[in-house]
Amino acid sequence: MNQTNNKNSDTQPLHDILIAHLCKNKMQVAIHLQTGIKLCGEIEAHDERIITLKDNKKTQIIYKHAISTIVPEINN
């Protein structure tokens, strides 16, 4: 993937840029783990190793290495 147009490409991995955008905009996401489990909620915070995902009842810590895909909910 060519990231030459991305001014953050030298300092931040692309997945971290996406996660920061989803967190900042408080978007609902579905996170699919490598085990097949699907978790839904809002990314509350993140760092280089973990994501905290909040749903209406609880906050969960998810290790990034356990994530297969992150799918944002798009409102039309």
PDB file of N, CA and C in Angstrom:
ATOM      1  N   MET A   1       0.844  -1.176   0.000  1.00  0.00           N
ATOM      2  CA  MET A   1       0.000   0.000   0.000  1.00  0.00           C
ATOM      3  C   MET A   1       0.886   1.234   0.000  1.00  0.00           C
ATOM      4  N   ASN A   2       0.603   2.159  -0.868  1.00  0.00           N
ATOM      5  CA  ASN A   2       1.383   3.381  -0.974  1.00  0.00           C
ATOM      6  C   ASN A   2       0.851   4.417   0.016  1.00  0.00           C
ATOM      7  N   GLN A   3       1.690   4.861   0.916  1.00  0.00           N
ATOM      8  CA  GLN A   3       1.287   5.837   1.914  1.00  0.00           C
ATOM      9  C   GLN A   3       1.997   7.174   1.721  1.00  0.00           C
ATOM     10  N   THR A   4       2.502   7.456   0.542  1.00  0.00           N
ATOM     11  CA  THR A   4       3.288   8.665   0.332  1.00  0.00           C
ATOM     12  C   THR A   4       2.472   9.934   0.512  1.00  0.00           C
ATOM     13  N   ASN A   5       1.161   9.870   0.308  1.00  0.00           N
ATOM     14  CA  ASN A   5       0.324  11.054   0.465  1.00  0.00           C
ATOM     15  C   ASN A   5      -0.089  11.285   1.909  1.00  0.00           C
ATOM     16  N   ASN A   6       0.224  10.356   2.788  1.00  0.00           N
ATOM     17  CA  ASN A   6      -0.173  10.464   4.182  1.00  0.00           C
ATOM     18  C   ASN A   6       0.966  11.084   4.982  1.00  0.00           C
ATOM     19  N   LYS A   7       0.752  12.286   5.492  1.00  0.00           N
ATOM     20  CA  LYS A   7       1.821  12.970   6.221  1.00  0.00           C
ATOM     21  C   LYS A   7       2.176  12.277   7.526  1.00  0.00           C
ATOM     22  N   ASN A   8       1.294  11.412   8.059  1.00  0.00           N
ATOM     23  CA  ASN A   8       1.563  10.705   9.299  1.00  0.00           C
ATOM     24  C   ASN A   8       2.246   9.367   9.078  1.00  0.00           C
ATOM     25  N   SER A   9       2.458   8.957   7.831  1.00  0.00           N
ATOM     26  CA  SER A   9       2.960   7.617   7.555  1.00  0.00           C
ATOM     27  C   SER A   9       4.352   7.371   8.138  1.00  0.00           C
ATOM     28  N   ASP A  10       5.150   8.402   8.343  1.00  0.00           N
ATOM     29  CA  ASP A  10       6.484   8.218   8.898  1.00  0.00           C
ATOM     30  C   ASP A  10       6.461   8.033  10.407  1.00  0.00           C
ATOM     31  N   THR A  11       5.400   8.467  11.057  1.00  0.00           N
ATOM     32  CA  THR A  11       5.374   8.435  12.507  1.00  0.00           C
ATOM     33  C   THR A  11       4.360   7.470  13.098  1.00  0.00           C
ATOM     34  N   GLN A  12       3.321   7.116  12.356  1.00  0.00           N
ATOM     35  CA  GLN A  12       2.247   6.302  12.897  1.00  0.00           C
ATOM     36  C   GLN A  12       1.802   5.254  11.886  1.00  0.00           C
ATOM     37  N   PRO A  13       1.623   4.002  12.330  1.00  0.00           N
ATOM     38  CA  PRO A  13       1.100   2.987  11.413  1.00  0.00           C
ATOM     39  C   PRO A  13      -0.333   3.340  10.975  1.00  0.00           C
ATOM     40  N   LEU A  14      -0.705   2.877   9.803  1.00  0.00           N
ATOM     41  CA  LEU A  14      -2.014   3.190   9.246  1.00  0.00           C
ATOM     42  C   LEU A  14      -3.152   2.732  10.154  1.00  0.00           C
ATOM     43  N   HIS A  15      -3.006   1.552  10.772  1.00  0.00           N
ATOM     44  CA  HIS A  15      -4.087   1.079  11.645  1.00  0.00           C
ATOM     45  C   HIS A  15      -4.265   1.991  12.860  1.00  0.00           C
ATOM     46  N   ASP A  16      -3.189   2.575  13.366  1.00  0.00           N
ATOM     47  CA  ASP A  16      -3.311   3.496  14.491  1.00  0.00           C
ATOM     48  C   ASP A  16      -4.013   4.793  14.089  1.00  0.00           C
ATOM     49  N   ILE A  17      -3.799   5.236  12.861  1.00  0.00           N
ATOM     50  CA  ILE A  17      -4.483   6.440  12.357  1.00  0.00           C
ATOM     51  C   ILE A  17      -5.985   6.179  12.273  1.00  0.00           C
ATOM     52  N   LEU A  18      -6.359   4.998  11.759  1.00  0.00           N
ATOM     53  CA  LEU A  18      -7.775   4.638  11.663  1.00  0.00           C
ATOM     54  C   LEU A  18      -8.411   4.528  13.047  1.00  0.00           C
ATOM     55  N   ILE A  19      -7.747   3.853  13.969  1.00  0.00           N
ATOM     56  CA  ILE A  19      -8.282   3.687  15.318  1.00  0.00           C
ATOM     57  C   ILE A  19      -8.438   5.043  16.000  1.00  0.00           C
ATOM     58  N   ALA A  20      -7.481   5.941  15.834  1.00  0.00           N
ATOM     59  CA  ALA A  20      -7.569   7.285  16.419  1.00  0.00           C
ATOM     60  C   ALA A  20      -8.761   8.045  15.850  1.00  0.00           C
ATOM     61  N   HIS A  21      -8.993   7.914  14.544  1.00  0.00           N
ATOM     62  CA  HIS A  21     -10.137   8.570  13.900  1.00  0.00           C
ATOM     63  C   HIS A  21     -11.457   8.031  14.462  1.00  0.00           C
ATOM     64  N   LEU A  22     -11.561   6.717  14.589  1.00  0.00           N
ATOM     65  CA  LEU A  22     -12.785   6.102  15.124  1.00  0.00           C
ATOM     66  C   LEU A  22     -13.011   6.521  16.575  1.00  0.00           C
ATOM     67  N   CYS A  23     -11.958   6.607  17.345  1.00  0.00           N
ATOM     68  CA  CYS A  23     -12.055   7.017  18.751  1.00  0.00           C
ATOM     69  C   CYS A  23     -12.463   8.482  18.864  1.00  0.00           C
ATOM     70  N   LYS A  24     -11.795   9.336  18.119  1.00  0.00           N
ATOM     71  CA  LYS A  24     -12.063  10.776  18.164  1.00  0.00           C
ATOM     72  C   LYS A  24     -13.512  11.089  17.771  1.00  0.00           C
ATOM     73  N   ASN A  25     -14.027  10.378  16.755  1.00  0.00           N
ATOM     74  CA  ASN A  25     -15.373  10.635  16.263  1.00  0.00           C
ATOM     75  C   ASN A  25     -16.444   9.796  16.952  1.00  0.00           C
ATOM     76  N   LYS A  26     -16.046   9.042  17.974  1.00  0.00           N
ATOM     77  CA  LYS A  26     -16.970   8.240  18.778  1.00  0.00           C
ATOM     78  C   LYS A  26     -17.889   7.378  17.919  1.00  0.00           C
ATOM     79  N   MET A  27     -17.273   6.727  16.926  1.00  0.00           N
ATOM     80  CA  MET A  27     -18.033   5.880  16.011  1.00  0.00           C
ATOM     81  C   MET A  27     -18.246   4.489  16.601  1.00  0.00           C
ATOM     82  N   GLN A  28     -19.394   3.922  16.339  1.00  0.00           N
ATOM     83  CA  GLN A  28     -19.675   2.541  16.715  1.00  0.00           C
ATOM     84  C   GLN A  28     -18.905   1.620  15.767  1.00  0.00           C
ATOM     85  N   VAL A  29     -18.319   0.564  16.311  1.00  0.00           N
ATOM     86  CA  VAL A  29     -17.543  -0.370  15.512  1.00  0.00           C
ATOM     87  C   VAL A  29     -17.889  -1.805  15.894  1.00  0.00           C
ATOM     88  N   ALA A  30     -17.611  -2.706  14.981  1.00  0.00           N
ATOM     89  CA  ALA A  30     -17.624  -4.139  15.269  1.00  0.00           C
ATOM     90  C   ALA A  30     -16.175  -4.597  15.149  1.00  0.00           C
ATOM     91  N   ILE A  31     -15.652  -5.202  16.202  1.00  0.00           N
ATOM     92  CA  ILE A  31     -14.290  -5.724  16.204  1.00  0.00           C
ATOM     93  C   ILE A  31     -14.386  -7.243  16.177  1.00  0.00           C
ATOM     94  N   HIS A  32     -13.809  -7.830  15.145  1.00  0.00           N
ATOM     95  CA  HIS A  32     -13.783  -9.285  15.009  1.00  0.00           C
ATOM     96  C   HIS A  32     -12.427  -9.774  15.484  1.00  0.00           C
ATOM     97  N   LEU A  33     -12.446 -10.694  16.431  1.00  0.00           N
ATOM     98  CA  LEU A  33     -11.205 -11.251  16.948  1.00  0.00           C
ATOM     99  C   LEU A  33     -10.766 -12.443  16.107  1.00  0.00           C
ATOM    100  N   GLN A  34      -9.521 -12.832  16.221  1.00  0.00           N
ATOM    101  CA  GLN A  34      -8.998 -13.969  15.476  1.00  0.00           C
ATOM    102  C   GLN A  34      -9.688 -15.273  15.864  1.00  0.00           C
ATOM    103  N   THR A  35     -10.295 -15.306  17.037  1.00  0.00           N
ATOM    104  CA  THR A  35     -11.023 -16.494  17.489  1.00  0.00           C
ATOM    105  C   THR A  35     -12.415 -16.586  16.876  1.00  0.00           C
ATOM    106  N   GLY A  36     -12.851 -15.522  16.159  1.00  0.00           N
ATOM    107  CA  GLY A  36     -14.177 -15.506  15.556  1.00  0.00           C
ATOM    108  C   GLY A  36     -15.200 -14.730  16.364  1.00  0.00           C
ATOM    109  N   ILE A  37     -14.851 -14.307  17.557  1.00  0.00           N
ATOM    110  CA  ILE A  37     -15.770 -13.548  18.408  1.00  0.00           C
ATOM    111  C   ILE A  37     -15.926 -12.138  17.854  1.00  0.00           C
ATOM    112  N   LYS A  38     -17.173 -11.654  17.860  1.00  0.00           N
ATOM    113  CA  LYS A  38     -17.473 -10.289  17.402  1.00  0.00           C
ATOM    114  C   LYS A  38     -17.840  -9.445  18.620  1.00  0.00           C
ATOM    115  N   LEU A  39     -17.156  -8.313  18.770  1.00  0.00           N
ATOM    116  CA  LEU A  39     -17.428  -7.372  19.850  1.00  0.00           C
ATOM    117  C   LEU A  39     -17.886  -6.054  19.231  1.00  0.00           C
ATOM    118  N   CYS A  40     -18.928  -5.468  19.783  1.00  0.00           N
ATOM    119  CA  CYS A  40     -19.447  -4.205  19.257  1.00  0.00           C
ATOM    120  C   CYS A  40     -19.408  -3.138  20.337  1.00  0.00           C
ATOM    121  N   GLY A  41     -19.199  -1.908  19.912  1.00  0.00           N
ATOM    122  CA  GLY A  41     -19.193  -0.792  20.844  1.00  0.00           C
ATOM    123  C   GLY A  41     -18.454   0.397  20.270  1.00  0.00           C
ATOM    124  N   GLU A  42     -18.005   1.256  21.172  1.00  0.00           N
ATOM    125  CA  GLU A  42     -17.288   2.484  20.812  1.00  0.00           C
ATOM    126  C   GLU A  42     -15.875   2.401  21.374  1.00  0.00           C
ATOM    127  N   ILE A  43     -14.886   2.722  20.543  1.00  0.00           N
ATOM    128  CA  ILE A  43     -13.502   2.727  21.020  1.00  0.00           C
ATOM    129  C   ILE A  43     -13.338   3.925  21.952  1.00  0.00           C
ATOM    130  N   GLU A  44     -13.045   3.624  23.195  1.00  0.00           N
ATOM    131  CA  GLU A  44     -12.937   4.654  24.227  1.00  0.00           C
ATOM    132  C   GLU A  44     -11.522   5.223  24.313  1.00  0.00           C
ATOM    133  N   ALA A  45     -10.523   4.335  24.150  1.00  0.00           N
ATOM    134  CA  ALA A  45      -9.117   4.746  24.221  1.00  0.00           C
ATOM    135  C   ALA A  45      -8.271   3.672  23.554  1.00  0.00           C
ATOM    136  N   HIS A  46      -7.002   4.001  23.292  1.00  0.00           N
ATOM    137  CA  HIS A  46      -6.089   3.037  22.670  1.00  0.00           C
ATOM    138  C   HIS A  46      -4.656   3.464  22.902  1.00  0.00           C
ATOM    139  N   ASP A  47      -3.769   2.489  22.828  1.00  0.00           N
ATOM    140  CA  ASP A  47      -2.338   2.774  22.828  1.00  0.00           C
ATOM    141  C   ASP A  47      -1.678   1.803  21.856  1.00  0.00           C
ATOM    142  N   GLU A  48      -0.379   1.612  21.954  1.00  0.00           N
ATOM    143  CA  GLU A  48       0.306   0.774  20.971  1.00  0.00           C
ATOM    144  C   GLU A  48      -0.034  -0.701  21.105  1.00  0.00           C
ATOM    145  N   ARG A  49      -0.610  -1.129  22.246  1.00  0.00           N
ATOM    146  CA  ARG A  49      -0.896  -2.551  22.456  1.00  0.00           C
ATOM    147  C   ARG A  49      -2.364  -2.905  22.637  1.00  0.00           C
ATOM    148  N   ILE A  50      -3.164  -1.981  23.171  1.00  0.00           N
ATOM    149  CA  ILE A  50      -4.545  -2.324  23.497  1.00  0.00           C
ATOM    150  C   ILE A  50      -5.548  -1.297  22.973  1.00  0.00           C
ATOM    151  N   ILE A  51      -6.803  -1.735  22.937  1.00  0.00           N
ATOM    152  CA  ILE A  51      -7.955  -0.879  22.653  1.00  0.00           C
ATOM    153  C   ILE A  51      -8.946  -1.103  23.788  1.00  0.00           C
ATOM    154  N   THR A  52      -9.547  -0.037  24.297  1.00  0.00           N
ATOM    155  CA  THR A  52     -10.661  -0.214  25.225  1.00  0.00           C
ATOM    156  C   THR A  52     -11.935   0.041  24.452  1.00  0.00           C
ATOM    157  N   LEU A  53     -12.855  -0.912  24.539  1.00  0.00           N
ATOM    158  CA  LEU A  53     -14.112  -0.873  23.811  1.00  0.00           C
ATOM    159  C   LEU A  53     -15.241  -0.799  24.813  1.00  0.00           C
ATOM    160  N   LYS A  54     -16.097   0.210  24.671  1.00  0.00           N
ATOM    161  CA  LYS A  54     -17.201   0.405  25.608  1.00  0.00           C
ATOM    162  C   LYS A  54     -18.516   0.139  24.892  1.00  0.00           C
ATOM    163  N   ASP A  55     -19.334  -0.721  25.504  1.00  0.00           N
ATOM    164  CA  ASP A  55     -20.701  -0.874  25.027  1.00  0.00           C
ATOM    165  C   ASP A  55     -21.618  -0.280  26.090  1.00  0.00           C
ATOM    166  N   ASN A  56     -22.899  -0.543  26.012  1.00  0.00           N
ATOM    167  CA  ASN A  56     -23.820   0.116  26.949  1.00  0.00           C
ATOM    168  C   ASN A  56     -23.719  -0.411  28.377  1.00  0.00           C
ATOM    169  N   LYS A  57     -23.018  -1.542  28.592  1.00  0.00           N
ATOM    170  CA  LYS A  57     -22.947  -2.115  29.932  1.00  0.00           C
ATOM    171  C   LYS A  57     -21.552  -2.131  30.541  1.00  0.00           C
ATOM    172  N   LYS A  58     -20.515  -2.258  29.708  1.00  0.00           N
ATOM    173  CA  LYS A  58     -19.176  -2.468  30.257  1.00  0.00           C
ATOM    174  C   LYS A  58     -18.088  -1.950  29.319  1.00  0.00           C
ATOM    175  N   THR A  59     -16.884  -1.872  29.843  1.00  0.00           N
ATOM    176  CA  THR A  59     -15.706  -1.538  29.049  1.00  0.00           C
ATOM    177  C   THR A  59     -14.796  -2.760  29.044  1.00  0.00           C
ATOM    178  N   GLN A  60     -14.289  -3.106  27.850  1.00  0.00           N
ATOM    179  CA  GLN A  60     -13.411  -4.263  27.695  1.00  0.00           C
ATOM    180  C   GLN A  60     -12.058  -3.813  27.177  1.00  0.00           C
ATOM    181  N   ILE A  61     -11.011  -4.493  27.604  1.00  0.00           N
ATOM    182  CA  ILE A  61      -9.680  -4.274  27.058  1.00  0.00           C
ATOM    183  C   ILE A  61      -9.431  -5.370  26.029  1.00  0.00           C
ATOM    184  N   ILE A  62      -9.019  -4.961  24.834  1.00  0.00           N
ATOM    185  CA  ILE A  62      -8.746  -5.899  23.749  1.00  0.00           C
ATOM    186  C   ILE A  62      -7.294  -5.692  23.309  1.00  0.00           C
ATOM    187  N   TYR A  63      -6.534  -6.769  23.274  1.00  0.00           N
ATOM    188  CA  TYR A  63      -5.168  -6.681  22.769  1.00  0.00           C
ATOM    189  C   TYR A  63      -5.200  -6.609  21.251  1.00  0.00           C
ATOM    190  N   LYS A  64      -4.466  -5.665  20.686  1.00  0.00           N
ATOM    191  CA  LYS A  64      -4.467  -5.467  19.233  1.00  0.00           C
ATOM    192  C   LYS A  64      -4.035  -6.716  18.480  1.00  0.00           C
ATOM    193  N   HIS A  65      -3.107  -7.493  19.026  1.00  0.00           N
ATOM    194  CA  HIS A  65      -2.638  -8.688  18.317  1.00  0.00           C
ATOM    195  C   HIS A  65      -3.730  -9.753  18.194  1.00  0.00           C
ATOM    196  N   ALA A  66      -4.822  -9.630  18.967  1.00  0.00           N
ATOM    197  CA  ALA A  66      -5.931 -10.585  18.908  1.00  0.00           C
ATOM    198  C   ALA A  66      -7.004 -10.177  17.888  1.00  0.00           C
ATOM    199  N   ILE A  67      -6.869  -8.979  17.300  1.00  0.00           N
ATOM    200  CA  ILE A  67      -7.888  -8.457  16.388  1.00  0.00           C
ATOM    201  C   ILE A  67      -7.642  -8.930  14.969  1.00  0.00           C
ATOM    202  N   SER A  68      -8.732  -9.360  14.333  1.00  0.00           N
ATOM    203  CA  SER A  68      -8.684  -9.717  12.919  1.00  0.00           C
ATOM    204  C   SER A  68      -9.112  -8.531  12.067  1.00  0.00           C
ATOM    205  N   THR A  69     -10.289  -7.960  12.346  1.00  0.00           N
ATOM    206  CA  THR A  69     -10.789  -6.812  11.583  1.00  0.00           C
ATOM    207  C   THR A  69     -11.560  -5.859  12.476  1.00  0.00           C
ATOM    208  N   ILE A  70     -11.591  -4.595  12.035  1.00  0.00           N
ATOM    209  CA  ILE A  70     -12.403  -3.556  12.678  1.00  0.00           C
ATOM    210  C   ILE A  70     -13.308  -2.990  11.596  1.00  0.00           C
ATOM    211  N   VAL A  71     -14.626  -3.035  11.851  1.00  0.00           N
ATOM    212  CA  VAL A  71     -15.595  -2.562  10.871  1.00  0.00           C
ATOM    213  C   VAL A  71     -16.380  -1.403  11.483  1.00  0.00           C
ATOM    214  N   PRO A  72     -16.210  -0.187  10.960  1.00  0.00           N
ATOM    215  CA  PRO A  72     -16.993   0.943  11.479  1.00  0.00           C
ATOM    216  C   PRO A  72     -18.436   0.857  11.018  1.00  0.00           C
ATOM    217  N   GLU A  73     -19.330   1.318  11.877  1.00  0.00           N
ATOM    218  CA  GLU A  73     -20.745   1.397  11.509  1.00  0.00           C
ATOM    219  C   GLU A  73     -20.947   2.678  10.723  1.00  0.00           C
ATOM    220  N   ILE A  74     -21.450   2.564   9.521  1.00  0.00           N
ATOM    221  CA  ILE A  74     -21.683   3.717   8.650  1.00  0.00           C
ATOM    222  C   ILE A  74     -23.155   4.081   8.692  1.00  0.00           C
ATOM    223  N   ASN A  75     -23.455   5.298   9.087  1.00  0.00           N
ATOM    224  CA  ASN A  75     -24.843   5.781   9.108  1.00  0.00           C
ATOM    225  C   ASN A  75     -25.123   6.535   7.825  1.00  0.00           C
ATOM    226  N   ASN A  76     -26.108   6.066   7.072  1.00  0.00           N
ATOM    227  CA  ASN A  76     -26.485   6.733   5.822  1.00  0.00           C
ATOM    228  C   ASN A  76     -27.637   7.672   6.039  1.00  0.00           C
TER     229      ASN A  76
END
